[in-house]
Every structure is written in structure tokens, then in C-alpha cells.
């Protein structure tokens, strides 16, 4: 049995719209696909963004405190665990694990600030730029 096919082009968008609006059930699989894709993209942005930001923070901490190692601190500045923090990534807040580094000695001023973390935490336009870089091809 031979079937005739009707091929739609850019000039036929109104016809297609009219056809699809008559029976909304035809669009349900497409809507579900779009919702699933949106969730997957959001998850990818969260995972890639968090991993990238945490890697940058570790590299910057290594630049100040040196490589992580077991035992006593060798220099005046050393690693001191990590802490959960929040940075802006365009339209979302992202929880990241940031390294903490401290100076030897006593007192409240021992904590060494990682400037990139403070910038990402307070500057929302920087978070938007980071997201643009992550999504760039």
C-alpha cells in the first residue's frame, strides 16, 4: 500500500499549529521531554559548576599553603579542613566545599581568605560570567 506524505516547511507553521492545537494530547510527550531535558541540564550545570569552582578554590589554596600532606605544617600557612559555603552562579546559589587555610599561631586573624571565593560569594555578575564559561562550546 502506497501512502502520500505531506511535507511541512517554514511556510506551514500556522497549519501545524492549528493541527496540534486541536488535539493537545499530541504535545504531551514533547512537553515531558522538554521538562526532563531541563532537569538534566540543571543537574549538569550544578555538578559541573560545583566541581569546577571547588577545583579552582583548591588550586588557589595550594598556591598559598602548598600541597596537602600528612603531619605537621611545614610553613607558616597550612591547610585546615574544609567548610561548606555558598557562591552565586548566575541565577542560582550553589553550595560548594571550600578549603580553609590558616596561619600558625594564636588569635582570630589566623584564617587566610581565598579572594576568589569571596569574589564569587559577593559578586553576582562574576557568577554569571562563570556560568557563561561553563556553557561555552
N, C-alpha and C. Protein backbone atom coordinates (compact mmCIF):
# COMPACT_ATOMS: atom_id res chain seq x y z
N UNK A 1 0.83 -1.17 0.00
CA UNK A 1 0.00 0.00 0.00
C UNK A 1 0.89 1.25 0.00
N UNK A 2 0.58 2.13 -0.86
CA UNK A 2 1.38 3.34 -1.01
C UNK A 2 0.71 4.49 -0.26
N UNK A 3 1.52 5.27 0.50
CA UNK A 3 0.98 6.40 1.26
C UNK A 3 1.56 7.70 0.71
N UNK A 4 0.75 8.69 0.70
CA UNK A 4 1.21 10.02 0.32
C UNK A 4 1.56 10.80 1.60
N UNK A 5 2.72 11.40 1.61
CA UNK A 5 3.16 12.18 2.74
C UNK A 5 3.06 13.65 2.41
N UNK A 6 2.69 14.42 3.43
CA UNK A 6 2.64 15.87 3.27
C UNK A 6 3.83 16.45 4.02
N UNK A 7 4.71 17.10 3.32
CA UNK A 7 5.91 17.66 3.94
C UNK A 7 5.63 19.11 4.30
N UNK A 8 5.92 19.44 5.59
CA UNK A 8 5.71 20.80 6.08
C UNK A 8 7.03 21.54 6.09
N UNK A 9 6.99 22.78 5.70
CA UNK A 9 8.17 23.63 5.74
C UNK A 9 7.90 24.84 6.61
N UNK A 10 8.79 25.81 6.54
CA UNK A 10 8.66 27.02 7.34
C UNK A 10 7.38 27.79 7.00
N UNK A 11 6.90 27.64 5.80
CA UNK A 11 5.69 28.35 5.38
C UNK A 11 4.42 27.73 5.96
N UNK A 12 4.54 26.56 6.57
CA UNK A 12 3.37 25.83 7.04
C UNK A 12 3.23 25.84 8.56
N UNK A 13 3.89 26.74 9.24
CA UNK A 13 3.85 26.74 10.71
C UNK A 13 2.44 26.99 11.24
N UNK A 14 1.70 27.82 10.56
CA UNK A 14 0.34 28.10 11.00
C UNK A 14 -0.54 26.86 10.88
N UNK A 15 -0.38 26.12 9.82
CA UNK A 15 -1.15 24.88 9.64
C UNK A 15 -0.81 23.86 10.73
N UNK A 16 0.46 23.72 11.01
CA UNK A 16 0.89 22.77 12.03
C UNK A 16 0.39 23.20 13.41
N UNK A 17 0.47 24.47 13.70
CA UNK A 17 -0.02 24.99 14.97
C UNK A 17 -1.51 24.71 15.13
N UNK A 18 -2.26 24.93 14.09
CA UNK A 18 -3.71 24.68 14.11
C UNK A 18 -3.99 23.19 14.35
N UNK A 19 -3.26 22.33 13.68
CA UNK A 19 -3.44 20.88 13.82
C UNK A 19 -3.13 20.43 15.25
N UNK A 20 -2.00 20.89 15.80
CA UNK A 20 -1.60 20.48 17.14
C UNK A 20 -2.52 21.04 18.22
N UNK A 21 -3.07 22.23 17.98
CA UNK A 21 -3.95 22.83 18.99
C UNK A 21 -5.31 22.13 19.06
N UNK A 22 -5.69 21.43 18.00
CA UNK A 22 -6.96 20.69 18.00
C UNK A 22 -6.92 19.53 18.99
N UNK A 23 -5.79 18.88 19.09
CA UNK A 23 -5.64 17.75 19.99
C UNK A 23 -4.37 17.94 20.82
N UNK A 24 -4.52 18.49 22.02
CA UNK A 24 -3.37 18.77 22.88
C UNK A 24 -2.61 17.54 23.33
N UNK A 25 -3.24 16.37 23.25
CA UNK A 25 -2.60 15.12 23.66
C UNK A 25 -1.36 14.82 22.82
N UNK A 26 -1.34 15.31 21.60
CA UNK A 26 -0.19 15.07 20.72
C UNK A 26 1.08 15.74 21.27
N UNK A 27 0.90 16.79 22.04
CA UNK A 27 2.05 17.55 22.54
C UNK A 27 2.59 17.04 23.88
N UNK A 28 1.84 16.20 24.58
CA UNK A 28 2.27 15.74 25.90
C UNK A 28 3.65 15.08 25.90
N UNK A 29 3.96 14.17 24.99
CA UNK A 29 5.31 13.59 25.00
C UNK A 29 6.41 14.65 24.80
N UNK A 30 6.14 15.63 23.98
CA UNK A 30 7.10 16.70 23.75
C UNK A 30 7.30 17.54 25.01
N UNK A 31 6.22 17.86 25.71
CA UNK A 31 6.31 18.63 26.95
C UNK A 31 7.10 17.85 28.00
N UNK A 32 6.81 16.55 28.12
CA UNK A 32 7.55 15.71 29.07
C UNK A 32 9.04 15.66 28.72
N UNK A 33 9.34 15.56 27.45
CA UNK A 33 10.73 15.54 27.00
C UNK A 33 11.43 16.84 27.37
N UNK A 34 10.77 17.96 27.15
CA UNK A 34 11.36 19.26 27.47
C UNK A 34 11.58 19.42 28.97
N UNK A 35 10.63 18.97 29.78
CA UNK A 35 10.79 19.05 31.23
C UNK A 35 11.95 18.19 31.70
N UNK A 36 12.07 16.99 31.16
CA UNK A 36 13.16 16.08 31.52
C UNK A 36 14.50 16.67 31.09
N UNK A 37 14.56 17.25 29.91
CA UNK A 37 15.79 17.85 29.42
C UNK A 37 16.19 19.03 30.29
N UNK A 38 15.21 19.83 30.73
CA UNK A 38 15.51 20.98 31.58
C UNK A 38 16.10 20.54 32.91
N UNK A 39 15.53 19.48 33.48
CA UNK A 39 16.05 18.95 34.74
C UNK A 39 17.46 18.43 34.55
N UNK A 40 17.72 17.72 33.47
CA UNK A 40 19.05 17.18 33.19
C UNK A 40 20.07 18.30 33.01
N UNK A 41 19.70 19.35 32.31
CA UNK A 41 20.61 20.48 32.10
C UNK A 41 20.91 21.17 33.43
N UNK A 42 19.88 21.37 34.26
CA UNK A 42 20.09 21.98 35.58
C UNK A 42 21.04 21.15 36.43
N UNK A 43 20.85 19.83 36.42
CA UNK A 43 21.75 18.95 37.18
C UNK A 43 23.17 19.03 36.65
N UNK A 44 23.32 19.05 35.34
CA UNK A 44 24.64 19.15 34.73
C UNK A 44 25.32 20.45 35.12
N UNK A 45 24.58 21.55 35.09
CA UNK A 45 25.15 22.85 35.48
C UNK A 45 25.57 22.82 36.94
N UNK A 46 24.73 22.26 37.81
CA UNK A 46 25.08 22.18 39.23
C UNK A 46 26.34 21.36 39.45
N UNK A 47 26.39 20.18 38.85
CA UNK A 47 27.54 19.29 39.06
C UNK A 47 28.81 19.87 38.45
N UNK A 48 28.73 20.30 37.20
CA UNK A 48 29.92 20.86 36.54
C UNK A 48 30.35 22.16 37.20
N UNK A 49 29.39 23.00 37.56
CA UNK A 49 29.71 24.26 38.22
C UNK A 49 30.37 24.05 39.56
N UNK A 50 29.77 23.19 40.37
CA UNK A 50 30.33 22.91 41.71
C UNK A 50 31.73 22.32 41.60
N UNK A 51 31.91 21.33 40.74
CA UNK A 51 33.21 20.68 40.59
C UNK A 51 34.27 21.67 40.12
N UNK A 52 33.91 22.50 39.15
CA UNK A 52 34.87 23.47 38.61
C UNK A 52 35.26 24.49 39.66
N UNK A 53 34.28 25.03 40.36
CA UNK A 53 34.57 26.04 41.38
C UNK A 53 35.40 25.45 42.51
N UNK A 54 35.06 24.24 42.96
CA UNK A 54 35.84 23.60 44.02
C UNK A 54 37.27 23.33 43.57
N UNK A 55 37.46 22.93 42.31
CA UNK A 55 38.82 22.71 41.80
C UNK A 55 39.62 24.01 41.77
N UNK A 56 39.00 25.08 41.34
CA UNK A 56 39.68 26.39 41.31
C UNK A 56 40.08 26.80 42.72
N UNK A 57 39.17 26.63 43.68
CA UNK A 57 39.48 27.00 45.07
C UNK A 57 40.63 26.17 45.64
N UNK A 58 40.66 24.88 45.31
CA UNK A 58 41.77 24.02 45.78
C UNK A 58 43.10 24.46 45.17
N UNK A 59 43.09 24.79 43.89
CA UNK A 59 44.32 25.24 43.22
C UNK A 59 44.82 26.53 43.85
N UNK A 60 43.90 27.46 44.12
CA UNK A 60 44.30 28.73 44.74
C UNK A 60 44.81 28.51 46.16
N UNK A 61 44.19 27.60 46.92
CA UNK A 61 44.66 27.30 48.27
C UNK A 61 46.05 26.66 48.23
N UNK A 62 46.31 25.81 47.23
CA UNK A 62 47.63 25.21 47.08
C UNK A 62 48.68 26.28 46.79
N UNK A 63 48.28 27.30 46.05
CA UNK A 63 49.21 28.39 45.76
C UNK A 63 49.63 29.14 47.01
N UNK A 64 48.77 29.18 48.01
CA UNK A 64 49.07 29.89 49.26
C UNK A 64 49.71 28.96 50.28
N UNK A 65 49.14 27.75 50.46
CA UNK A 65 49.57 26.86 51.54
C UNK A 65 50.44 25.70 51.08
N UNK A 66 50.64 25.55 49.78
CA UNK A 66 51.39 24.41 49.27
C UNK A 66 50.50 23.19 49.16
N UNK A 67 51.07 22.11 48.70
CA UNK A 67 50.30 20.88 48.50
C UNK A 67 49.90 20.28 49.85
N UNK A 68 48.76 19.62 49.87
CA UNK A 68 48.30 18.94 51.09
C UNK A 68 49.25 17.78 51.41
N UNK A 69 49.50 17.58 52.70
CA UNK A 69 50.31 16.44 53.11
C UNK A 69 49.94 16.05 54.54
N UNK A 70 50.29 14.84 54.92
CA UNK A 70 50.04 14.35 56.27
C UNK A 70 51.05 14.95 57.24
N UNK A 71 50.66 15.08 58.48
CA UNK A 71 51.59 15.52 59.51
C UNK A 71 51.51 17.01 59.80
N UNK A 72 52.57 17.49 60.48
CA UNK A 72 52.61 18.88 60.89
C UNK A 72 52.82 19.82 59.71
N UNK A 73 52.40 21.05 59.90
CA UNK A 73 52.61 22.07 58.88
C UNK A 73 54.09 22.37 58.75
N UNK A 74 54.51 22.53 57.53
CA UNK A 74 55.93 22.84 57.28
C UNK A 74 56.18 24.34 57.22
N UNK A 75 55.20 25.07 56.68
CA UNK A 75 55.38 26.51 56.53
C UNK A 75 54.57 27.29 57.53
N UNK A 76 54.45 28.59 57.31
CA UNK A 76 53.68 29.45 58.21
C UNK A 76 52.19 29.37 57.94
N UNK A 77 51.82 28.85 56.77
CA UNK A 77 50.41 28.72 56.41
C UNK A 77 50.15 27.27 56.04
N UNK A 78 49.02 26.73 56.51
CA UNK A 78 48.71 25.34 56.21
C UNK A 78 47.22 25.10 56.04
N UNK A 79 46.93 23.92 55.56
CA UNK A 79 45.54 23.51 55.33
C UNK A 79 44.86 23.26 56.67
N UNK A 80 43.59 23.62 56.74
CA UNK A 80 42.80 23.36 57.95
C UNK A 80 41.40 22.92 57.54
N UNK A 81 41.26 21.67 57.16
CA UNK A 81 39.99 21.07 56.75
C UNK A 81 39.34 21.81 55.59
N UNK A 82 37.99 21.72 55.56
CA UNK A 82 37.20 22.44 54.55
C UNK A 82 35.88 22.84 55.20
N UNK A 83 35.16 23.71 54.50
CA UNK A 83 33.91 24.21 55.03
C UNK A 83 32.93 24.41 53.88
N UNK A 84 31.65 24.19 54.15
CA UNK A 84 30.63 24.42 53.14
C UNK A 84 30.39 25.91 53.02
N UNK A 85 30.28 26.37 51.78
CA UNK A 85 29.99 27.77 51.51
C UNK A 85 29.03 27.88 50.35
N UNK A 86 28.60 29.09 50.07
CA UNK A 86 27.64 29.33 49.00
C UNK A 86 28.20 30.39 48.07
N UNK A 87 28.13 30.11 46.76
CA UNK A 87 28.54 31.09 45.75
C UNK A 87 27.39 31.29 44.77
N UNK A 88 27.40 32.43 44.11
CA UNK A 88 26.38 32.71 43.10
C UNK A 88 26.87 32.19 41.76
N UNK A 89 25.99 31.50 41.07
CA UNK A 89 26.28 31.05 39.72
C UNK A 89 25.12 31.51 38.85
N UNK A 90 25.21 32.73 38.39
CA UNK A 90 24.17 33.38 37.60
C UNK A 90 22.89 33.48 38.40
N UNK A 91 21.86 32.72 38.03
CA UNK A 91 20.55 32.84 38.66
C UNK A 91 20.36 31.88 39.83
N UNK A 92 21.39 31.21 40.27
CA UNK A 92 21.25 30.21 41.32
C UNK A 92 22.37 30.34 42.34
N UNK A 93 22.09 29.86 43.53
CA UNK A 93 23.10 29.77 44.57
C UNK A 93 23.58 28.33 44.58
N UNK A 94 24.88 28.16 44.72
CA UNK A 94 25.47 26.83 44.63
C UNK A 94 26.27 26.56 45.90
N UNK A 95 25.98 25.43 46.57
CA UNK A 95 26.76 25.06 47.75
C UNK A 95 28.05 24.39 47.30
N UNK A 96 29.17 24.88 47.81
CA UNK A 96 30.47 24.32 47.46
C UNK A 96 31.24 24.01 48.74
N UNK A 97 32.19 23.09 48.61
CA UNK A 97 33.08 22.77 49.70
C UNK A 97 34.36 23.57 49.46
N UNK A 98 34.63 24.53 50.34
CA UNK A 98 35.80 25.37 50.14
C UNK A 98 36.90 24.99 51.13
N UNK A 99 38.14 24.99 50.67
CA UNK A 99 39.24 24.67 51.58
C UNK A 99 39.49 25.84 52.54
N UNK A 100 39.90 25.50 53.74
CA UNK A 100 40.28 26.53 54.71
C UNK A 100 41.78 26.44 54.93
N UNK A 101 42.41 27.57 54.95
CA UNK A 101 43.84 27.63 55.24
C UNK A 101 44.05 28.64 56.36
N UNK A 102 45.03 28.32 57.22
CA UNK A 102 45.30 29.17 58.39
C UNK A 102 46.78 29.40 58.57
N UNK A 103 47.06 30.53 59.23
CA UNK A 103 48.43 30.85 59.63
C UNK A 103 48.72 30.14 60.95
N UNK A 104 50.00 29.88 61.22
CA UNK A 104 50.39 29.34 62.51
C UNK A 104 50.21 30.41 63.57
N UNK A 105 50.04 29.99 64.79
CA UNK A 105 49.93 30.94 65.89
C UNK A 105 48.56 30.95 66.50
N UNK A 106 48.35 31.96 67.35
CA UNK A 106 47.08 32.09 68.05
C UNK A 106 46.42 33.39 67.65
N UNK A 107 45.11 33.46 67.86
CA UNK A 107 44.39 34.69 67.57
C UNK A 107 43.31 34.48 66.52
N UNK A 108 42.48 35.50 66.38
CA UNK A 108 41.35 35.41 65.47
C UNK A 108 41.73 35.67 64.02
N UNK A 109 42.87 36.27 63.77
CA UNK A 109 43.26 36.63 62.40
C UNK A 109 44.07 35.55 61.70
N UNK A 110 43.95 34.32 62.16
CA UNK A 110 44.72 33.22 61.56
C UNK A 110 44.18 32.78 60.22
N UNK A 111 42.86 32.91 60.03
CA UNK A 111 42.22 32.45 58.79
C UNK A 111 42.73 33.26 57.61
N UNK A 112 43.16 32.55 56.56
CA UNK A 112 43.61 33.20 55.33
C UNK A 112 42.46 33.17 54.33
N UNK A 113 42.10 34.33 53.82
CA UNK A 113 40.97 34.45 52.90
C UNK A 113 41.41 34.09 51.49
N UNK A 114 40.60 33.28 50.84
CA UNK A 114 40.82 32.99 49.41
C UNK A 114 39.98 34.02 48.66
N UNK A 115 40.64 34.97 48.04
CA UNK A 115 39.96 36.11 47.43
C UNK A 115 38.97 35.71 46.35
N UNK A 116 39.29 34.68 45.58
CA UNK A 116 38.37 34.24 44.53
C UNK A 116 37.05 33.76 45.13
N UNK A 117 37.11 33.07 46.26
CA UNK A 117 35.88 32.62 46.92
C UNK A 117 35.04 33.81 47.37
N UNK A 118 35.69 34.79 47.98
CA UNK A 118 34.96 35.98 48.45
C UNK A 118 34.33 36.72 47.27
N UNK A 119 35.05 36.78 46.16
CA UNK A 119 34.51 37.45 44.97
C UNK A 119 33.30 36.70 44.43
N UNK A 120 33.39 35.37 44.34
CA UNK A 120 32.27 34.58 43.83
C UNK A 120 31.08 34.62 44.78
N UNK A 121 31.37 34.77 46.05
CA UNK A 121 30.30 34.80 47.06
C UNK A 121 29.52 36.11 47.01
N UNK A 122 30.20 37.21 46.72
CA UNK A 122 29.57 38.52 46.81
C UNK A 122 29.23 39.15 45.46
N UNK A 123 29.90 38.74 44.41
CA UNK A 123 29.72 39.40 43.11
C UNK A 123 28.89 38.51 42.18
N UNK A 124 27.61 38.85 42.01
CA UNK A 124 26.72 38.01 41.19
C UNK A 124 27.07 38.07 39.71
N UNK A 125 27.63 39.18 39.24
CA UNK A 125 27.99 39.25 37.82
C UNK A 125 29.16 38.31 37.51
N UNK A 126 30.02 38.08 38.49
CA UNK A 126 31.11 37.12 38.30
C UNK A 126 30.54 35.71 38.16
N UNK A 127 29.52 35.38 38.96
CA UNK A 127 28.86 34.08 38.84
C UNK A 127 28.22 33.89 37.49
N UNK A 128 27.66 34.95 36.96
CA UNK A 128 27.06 34.89 35.62
C UNK A 128 28.13 34.62 34.57
N UNK A 129 29.28 35.24 34.73
CA UNK A 129 30.39 35.04 33.79
C UNK A 129 30.93 33.61 33.88
N UNK A 130 31.04 33.08 35.10
CA UNK A 130 31.49 31.69 35.28
C UNK A 130 30.54 30.73 34.58
N UNK A 131 29.23 30.97 34.72
CA UNK A 131 28.25 30.11 34.05
C UNK A 131 28.40 30.20 32.54
N UNK A 132 28.62 31.39 32.01
CA UNK A 132 28.84 31.56 30.57
C UNK A 132 30.03 30.74 30.11
N UNK A 133 31.10 30.74 30.89
CA UNK A 133 32.31 29.99 30.53
C UNK A 133 32.02 28.49 30.55
N UNK A 134 31.27 28.03 31.57
CA UNK A 134 30.94 26.60 31.67
C UNK A 134 30.09 26.13 30.50
N UNK A 135 29.21 27.00 30.01
CA UNK A 135 28.30 26.60 28.93
C UNK A 135 28.88 26.86 27.55
N UNK A 136 30.03 27.52 27.47
CA UNK A 136 30.64 27.82 26.17
C UNK A 136 31.09 26.53 25.50
N UNK A 137 31.03 26.53 24.20
CA UNK A 137 31.44 25.33 23.44
C UNK A 137 32.92 25.26 23.32
